[in-house]
Protein backbone atom coordinates (compact mmCIF):
# COMPACT_ATOMS: atom_id res chain seq x y z
CA MET A 1 22.42 -95.79 224.72
CA LEU A 2 21.35 -92.40 223.49
CA GLY A 3 18.65 -90.67 225.45
CA LEU A 4 15.75 -88.89 223.76
CA ASP A 5 14.54 -85.54 225.02
CA VAL A 6 10.78 -85.84 225.06
CA ASN A 7 10.22 -82.71 227.10
CA LEU A 8 7.94 -80.15 225.53
CA PRO A 9 9.16 -76.59 225.05
CA GLN A 10 8.74 -74.42 228.13
CA SER A 11 6.20 -72.23 226.32
CA TRP A 12 4.01 -75.30 225.76
CA THR A 13 2.30 -75.50 229.13
CA TRP A 14 -0.90 -77.39 229.76
CA GLU A 15 -2.77 -74.11 229.92
CA SER A 16 -1.31 -72.90 226.61
CA LEU A 17 -2.06 -76.21 224.94
CA THR A 18 -5.64 -76.10 226.20
CA THR A 19 -6.03 -72.53 224.99
CA SER A 20 -4.44 -73.33 221.62
CA GLY A 21 -6.60 -76.41 221.22
CA THR A 22 -9.73 -74.38 221.93
CA ARG A 23 -8.70 -71.75 219.41
CA ILE A 24 -7.91 -74.39 216.76
CA VAL A 25 -11.29 -76.03 217.27
CA ALA A 26 -12.96 -72.62 217.06
CA ILE A 27 -11.12 -71.85 213.81
CA ILE A 28 -12.14 -75.20 212.29
CA VAL A 29 -15.76 -74.78 213.35
CA LEU A 30 -15.86 -71.22 212.03
CA ALA A 31 -14.30 -72.31 208.72
CA LEU A 32 -16.84 -75.11 208.31
CA LEU A 33 -19.67 -72.72 209.17
CA LEU A 34 -18.46 -70.12 206.65
CA ARG A 35 -18.07 -72.81 203.99
CA TRP A 36 -21.60 -74.07 204.63
CA VAL A 37 -23.07 -70.55 204.51
CA ALA A 38 -21.16 -69.70 201.32
CA ARG A 39 -22.17 -72.92 199.55
CA ARG A 40 -25.79 -72.46 200.60
CA ALA A 41 -25.82 -68.90 199.27
CA ILE A 42 -24.22 -70.01 196.00
CA GLY A 43 -26.72 -72.87 195.73
CA ARG A 44 -29.66 -70.47 196.14
CA ILE A 45 -28.25 -68.15 193.48
CA VAL A 46 -27.72 -71.09 191.12
CA LYS A 47 -31.27 -72.33 191.68
CA LYS A 48 -32.82 -68.91 191.05
CA THR A 49 -30.65 -68.35 188.01
CA GLY A 50 -31.53 -71.78 186.60
CA GLU A 51 -35.21 -70.94 186.98
CA GLY A 52 -34.74 -67.62 185.21
CA GLN A 53 -34.86 -65.51 188.39
CA VAL A 54 -31.74 -63.39 188.15
CA PRO A 55 -30.56 -61.90 191.46
CA GLY A 56 -30.98 -58.15 191.71
CA ALA A 57 -27.25 -57.65 192.20
CA ILE A 58 -26.55 -58.73 188.61
CA ALA A 59 -29.93 -58.05 187.01
CA ASN A 60 -28.68 -54.99 185.10
CA THR A 61 -25.34 -56.45 184.03
CA ARG A 62 -24.36 -58.33 180.88
CA ALA A 63 -24.24 -61.58 182.84
CA GLY A 64 -27.75 -60.93 184.07
CA ALA A 65 -29.01 -60.37 180.54
CA ILE A 66 -27.46 -63.64 179.41
CA LEU A 67 -28.77 -65.66 182.35
CA SER A 68 -32.29 -64.22 182.07
CA ASP A 69 -32.58 -65.22 178.41
CA MET A 70 -35.98 -66.90 178.05
CA ARG A 71 -35.83 -67.85 174.38
CA PRO A 72 -36.99 -71.37 173.40
CA GLY A 73 -34.39 -73.97 174.36
CA ALA A 74 -32.52 -71.56 176.61
CA GLY A 75 -33.89 -73.00 179.88
CA GLU A 76 -31.85 -76.21 179.94
CA ARG A 77 -28.72 -74.44 178.74
CA ARG A 78 -29.20 -71.82 181.44
CA LYS A 79 -29.46 -74.51 184.13
CA GLN A 80 -26.29 -76.25 182.92
CA ARG A 81 -24.40 -72.95 182.75
CA ALA A 82 -25.56 -71.84 186.20
CA GLN A 83 -24.68 -75.24 187.72
CA ALA A 84 -21.20 -75.20 186.21
CA MET A 85 -20.48 -71.70 187.47
CA GLY A 86 -21.92 -72.60 190.88
CA ASP A 87 -19.64 -75.62 191.18
CA LEU A 88 -16.64 -73.50 190.22
CA LEU A 89 -17.46 -70.74 192.71
CA GLY A 90 -18.11 -73.32 195.46
CA SER A 91 -14.72 -74.93 194.88
CA ILE A 92 -12.91 -71.58 194.89
CA VAL A 93 -14.64 -70.43 198.08
CA GLY A 94 -13.88 -73.77 199.78
CA LEU A 95 -10.19 -73.61 198.88
CA VAL A 96 -9.87 -69.99 200.05
CA ILE A 97 -11.55 -70.69 203.39
CA ALA A 98 -9.46 -73.83 203.94
CA GLY A 99 -6.25 -71.98 203.11
CA VAL A 100 -7.01 -69.10 205.50
CA ALA A 101 -7.98 -71.52 208.28
CA PHE A 102 -4.77 -73.52 207.80
CA VAL A 103 -2.60 -70.40 208.08
CA MET A 104 -4.47 -69.27 211.22
CA ILE A 105 -3.95 -72.69 212.82
CA LEU A 106 -0.22 -72.56 212.08
CA ASP A 107 -0.08 -69.14 213.73
CA VAL A 108 -1.88 -70.49 216.81
CA VAL A 109 0.58 -73.38 217.29
CA GLY A 110 3.50 -70.98 217.03
CA VAL A 111 4.76 -71.72 213.53
CA PRO A 112 6.18 -68.55 211.91
CA ILE A 113 3.86 -67.82 208.99
CA ALA A 114 5.79 -64.91 207.45
CA PRO A 115 8.47 -67.14 205.85
CA LEU A 116 5.74 -69.59 204.87
CA LEU A 117 3.72 -66.89 203.10
CA THR A 118 6.86 -65.61 201.38
CA SER A 119 7.75 -69.09 200.17
CA ALA A 120 4.18 -69.68 199.07
CA GLY A 121 4.28 -66.45 197.07
CA ILE A 122 7.50 -67.47 195.32
CA VAL A 123 6.12 -70.94 194.58
CA GLY A 124 2.91 -69.37 193.31
CA ILE A 125 4.81 -67.11 190.92
CA ALA A 126 6.88 -70.06 189.66
CA LEU A 127 3.76 -72.15 189.14
CA GLY A 128 2.06 -69.21 187.45
CA PHE A 129 4.83 -68.97 184.87
CA GLY A 130 4.99 -72.73 184.42
CA ALA A 131 1.22 -73.24 184.16
CA GLN A 132 0.31 -70.32 181.91
CA THR A 133 -1.32 -72.63 179.38
CA LEU A 134 -3.36 -74.38 182.07
CA VAL A 135 -4.55 -71.07 183.52
CA LYS A 136 -5.37 -69.83 180.02
CA ASP A 137 -7.47 -72.93 179.36
CA TYR A 138 -9.44 -72.54 182.60
CA LEU A 139 -10.06 -68.82 182.12
CA ALA A 140 -11.21 -69.43 178.55
CA GLY A 141 -13.52 -72.19 179.81
CA VAL A 142 -15.08 -69.89 182.41
CA SER A 143 -15.67 -67.16 179.82
CA MET A 144 -17.09 -69.67 177.34
CA ILE A 145 -19.59 -71.05 179.88
CA LEU A 146 -20.62 -67.62 181.14
CA GLU A 147 -21.16 -66.27 177.62
CA ASP A 148 -22.97 -69.45 176.50
CA GLN A 149 -20.92 -69.78 173.32
CA TYR A 150 -21.96 -73.44 172.97
CA GLY A 151 -23.27 -76.34 175.02
CA VAL A 152 -23.69 -80.10 174.95
CA GLY A 153 -25.54 -81.17 171.80
CA ASP A 154 -24.60 -78.12 169.73
CA SER A 155 -23.12 -78.48 166.27
CA VAL A 156 -20.02 -76.29 166.23
CA ASP A 157 -17.01 -75.43 164.10
CA LEU A 158 -13.92 -74.77 166.24
CA GLY A 159 -11.49 -74.33 163.39
CA GLU A 160 -9.42 -77.50 163.22
CA ALA A 161 -12.30 -79.63 164.53
CA SER A 162 -16.04 -79.53 163.99
CA GLY A 163 -18.95 -81.72 165.06
CA ILE A 164 -21.45 -82.29 167.87
CA VAL A 165 -20.37 -81.20 171.36
CA GLU A 166 -20.44 -84.16 173.76
CA ALA A 167 -18.91 -82.59 176.87
CA VAL A 168 -17.92 -79.12 178.01
CA GLY A 169 -15.38 -78.67 180.79
CA LEU A 170 -13.41 -75.77 182.18
CA ARG A 171 -10.25 -76.99 180.41
CA ILE A 172 -11.33 -79.33 177.61
CA THR A 173 -14.20 -79.46 175.13
CA ARG A 174 -15.01 -82.87 173.61
CA LEU A 175 -16.82 -83.15 170.30
CA ARG A 176 -17.50 -85.88 167.75
CA ASP A 177 -17.40 -85.23 164.00
CA VAL A 178 -19.60 -86.74 161.29
CA ASN A 179 -17.15 -89.64 160.81
CA GLY A 180 -17.36 -90.61 164.48
CA THR A 181 -13.93 -89.26 165.44
CA VAL A 182 -13.80 -87.79 168.95
CA TRP A 183 -11.85 -84.53 169.25
CA TYR A 184 -10.51 -83.10 172.51
CA VAL A 185 -9.93 -79.36 172.16
CA ARG A 186 -8.28 -77.20 174.83
CA ASN A 187 -10.44 -74.17 175.56
CA GLY A 188 -7.44 -71.86 175.54
CA GLU A 189 -6.66 -72.83 171.93
CA ILE A 190 -10.13 -71.96 170.61
CA LEU A 191 -9.84 -68.69 168.72
CA ARG A 192 -13.27 -68.71 167.09
CA VAL A 193 -16.52 -70.62 167.44
CA GLY A 194 -19.12 -71.20 164.73
CA ASN A 195 -22.31 -72.46 166.37
CA GLN A 196 -24.76 -73.97 163.87
CA SER A 197 -27.46 -74.77 166.39
CA GLN A 198 -27.84 -71.86 168.78
CA ASN A 199 -31.43 -70.59 169.06
CA TRP A 200 -32.29 -71.26 165.38
CA ALA A 201 -30.78 -72.44 162.12
CA ARG A 202 -31.37 -71.91 158.41
CA THR A 203 -31.68 -74.27 155.49
CA VAL A 204 -30.14 -72.71 152.39
CA LEU A 205 -30.97 -74.81 149.35
CA ASP A 206 -29.43 -73.93 145.98
CA VAL A 207 -31.08 -75.71 143.05
CA THR A 208 -29.41 -75.74 139.64
CA VAL A 209 -31.66 -75.92 136.56
CA ALA A 210 -30.89 -75.90 132.85
CA TYR A 211 -30.61 -72.56 131.07
CA ASP A 212 -33.70 -73.30 128.94
CA SER A 213 -35.90 -73.77 132.04
CA ASP A 214 -38.75 -71.37 132.83
CA LEU A 215 -37.45 -69.63 135.96
CA ASP A 216 -40.93 -68.45 136.99
CA VAL A 217 -42.14 -72.05 137.04
CA VAL A 218 -39.00 -73.15 138.91
CA GLN A 219 -39.48 -70.54 141.61
CA ALA A 220 -43.19 -71.35 141.88
CA ILE A 221 -42.41 -75.03 142.44
CA LEU A 222 -39.81 -74.22 145.09
CA ALA A 223 -42.26 -71.92 146.87
CA GLU A 224 -45.10 -74.45 146.72
CA GLU A 225 -43.05 -77.34 148.06
CA ALA A 226 -41.48 -75.24 150.82
CA GLU A 227 -44.87 -73.88 151.86
CA ALA A 228 -46.36 -77.38 151.84
CA MET A 229 -43.64 -78.54 154.22
CA TYR A 230 -44.15 -75.50 156.43
CA HIS A 231 -47.86 -76.31 156.88
CA GLU A 232 -47.38 -80.05 157.42
CA GLU A 233 -48.03 -81.29 160.93
CA ARG A 234 -44.76 -83.22 161.21
CA PHE A 235 -42.78 -80.05 160.50
CA THR A 236 -44.62 -77.98 163.11
CA GLY A 237 -41.93 -76.51 165.33
CA VAL A 238 -39.24 -77.65 162.90
CA ILE A 239 -39.76 -74.94 160.26
CA ILE A 240 -40.38 -71.88 162.43
CA GLU A 241 -40.99 -69.19 159.79
CA GLU A 242 -42.53 -69.04 156.35
CA PRO A 243 -40.04 -70.05 153.64
CA GLU A 244 -38.60 -67.52 151.21
CA VAL A 245 -37.53 -67.96 147.61
CA TRP A 246 -34.70 -65.53 147.09
CA GLY A 247 -34.60 -66.13 143.34
CA VAL A 248 -31.66 -66.45 140.99
CA GLU A 249 -28.46 -66.70 143.00
CA ARG A 250 -25.87 -67.03 140.22
CA PHE A 251 -25.10 -68.43 136.78
CA ASP A 252 -22.91 -71.52 136.71
CA LYS A 253 -21.39 -73.26 133.73
CA ASP A 254 -23.97 -76.03 134.13
CA GLY A 255 -27.06 -73.89 134.62
CA VAL A 256 -28.95 -71.29 136.65
CA VAL A 257 -28.82 -71.53 140.45
CA VAL A 258 -32.05 -70.61 142.28
CA ARG A 259 -32.07 -70.27 146.07
CA VAL A 260 -34.78 -71.04 148.65
CA VAL A 261 -34.28 -70.58 152.41
CA LEU A 262 -36.17 -71.89 155.45
CA LYS A 263 -35.66 -70.88 159.07
CA THR A 264 -35.62 -74.00 161.25
CA ALA A 265 -35.22 -75.16 164.81
CA PRO A 266 -31.63 -75.91 165.91
CA LEU A 267 -30.05 -78.98 164.28
CA GLN A 268 -33.05 -79.50 161.99
CA GLN A 269 -31.69 -77.69 158.92
CA TRP A 270 -30.21 -80.86 157.39
CA LEU A 271 -33.44 -82.86 157.75
CA VAL A 272 -35.41 -80.06 156.12
CA ALA A 273 -32.88 -79.76 153.28
CA ARG A 274 -32.93 -83.50 152.51
CA THR A 275 -36.73 -83.65 152.49
CA LEU A 276 -37.08 -80.55 150.31
CA ARG A 277 -34.53 -81.84 147.79
CA GLN A 278 -36.51 -85.06 147.37
CA ARG A 279 -39.79 -83.18 146.88
CA VAL A 280 -38.32 -80.69 144.44
CA LYS A 281 -36.76 -83.49 142.38
CA ARG A 282 -40.12 -85.26 142.10
CA ARG A 283 -41.91 -82.04 141.04
CA PHE A 284 -39.21 -81.22 138.51
CA ASP A 285 -39.59 -84.65 136.95
CA GLN A 286 -43.35 -84.17 136.71
CA SER A 287 -42.97 -80.70 135.16
CA GLY A 288 -40.21 -81.66 132.73
CA ILE A 289 -37.64 -79.34 134.30
CA ARG A 290 -34.16 -80.69 133.79
CA ILE A 291 -31.42 -80.62 136.40
CA PRO A 292 -28.16 -80.46 134.43
CA SER A 293 -25.57 -83.15 135.00
CA THR A 294 -22.10 -83.68 133.68
CA ALA A 295 -21.89 -87.03 131.95
CA ALA A 296 -18.58 -88.80 131.46
CA VAL A 297 -17.80 -89.57 127.82
CA PRO A 298 -16.24 -93.02 127.45
CA PHE A 299 -12.92 -93.03 125.64
CA GLU A 300 -11.90 -95.97 123.53
CA ARG A 301 -8.37 -96.37 122.29
CA THR A 302 -8.22 -97.42 118.68
CA THR A 303 -5.35 -99.33 117.18
CA GLU A 304 -4.37 -99.16 113.60
């Protein structure tokens, strides 16, 4: 029967094991303490930033200017952005502290760490080349959150997909278009962002009237209806500036196009446009102003 050598190496004496165990416990306790201190500091920064109190260390930087933005509607977005960045920094700090503590423990128990670090470096390089797309997505996500390019609830155009943003992650952005289709877009593949709901929006309404219409009367009606909406109680806070009639925009084959614009709260431009169209149509009917339309001429085949 084969015998098993269960004797410990000569260097592993009771005294050395006790000393090593004490050092390992000290390393673990120190790592946990550093992790707690780091997370607490990050949490305080996130809280102050979410409340609009930018730390002095970044107060004069571009990030500080973005995070101290106090425009209407910016508060909730600022809290979400600060929380996301805080979670990311907390995870990174935790992984770094855990990795350093693990290497120190291996050194205490006598495991050669030089070959381990060399192997880890080679593996890291290989993973870096193999996961370039993943790293690109995460870096793009961090930049997007920090710069506040868009957030949950925004109406955006990302090129191939457009709609309302439902979720924003470090790697993936999820949005739903007007047909109800859910799109998952990798942040690293987003080359441009058109945000239709950041800070304020604009209703641009082009109205086509017949060439024989009195353009002064047309513009007066547009101005009156837009002003009436602006002063209505239900549009308080929806239309945020006095409307403007820009006048004749162009000549089309069907008639003259007259433009009126209204500055609105985010995501309210479509409601304002629909309501104004209905009011303008009613006033045009009352004033005898004709909106040109192309009528289909029925064709009947005759047989001889």
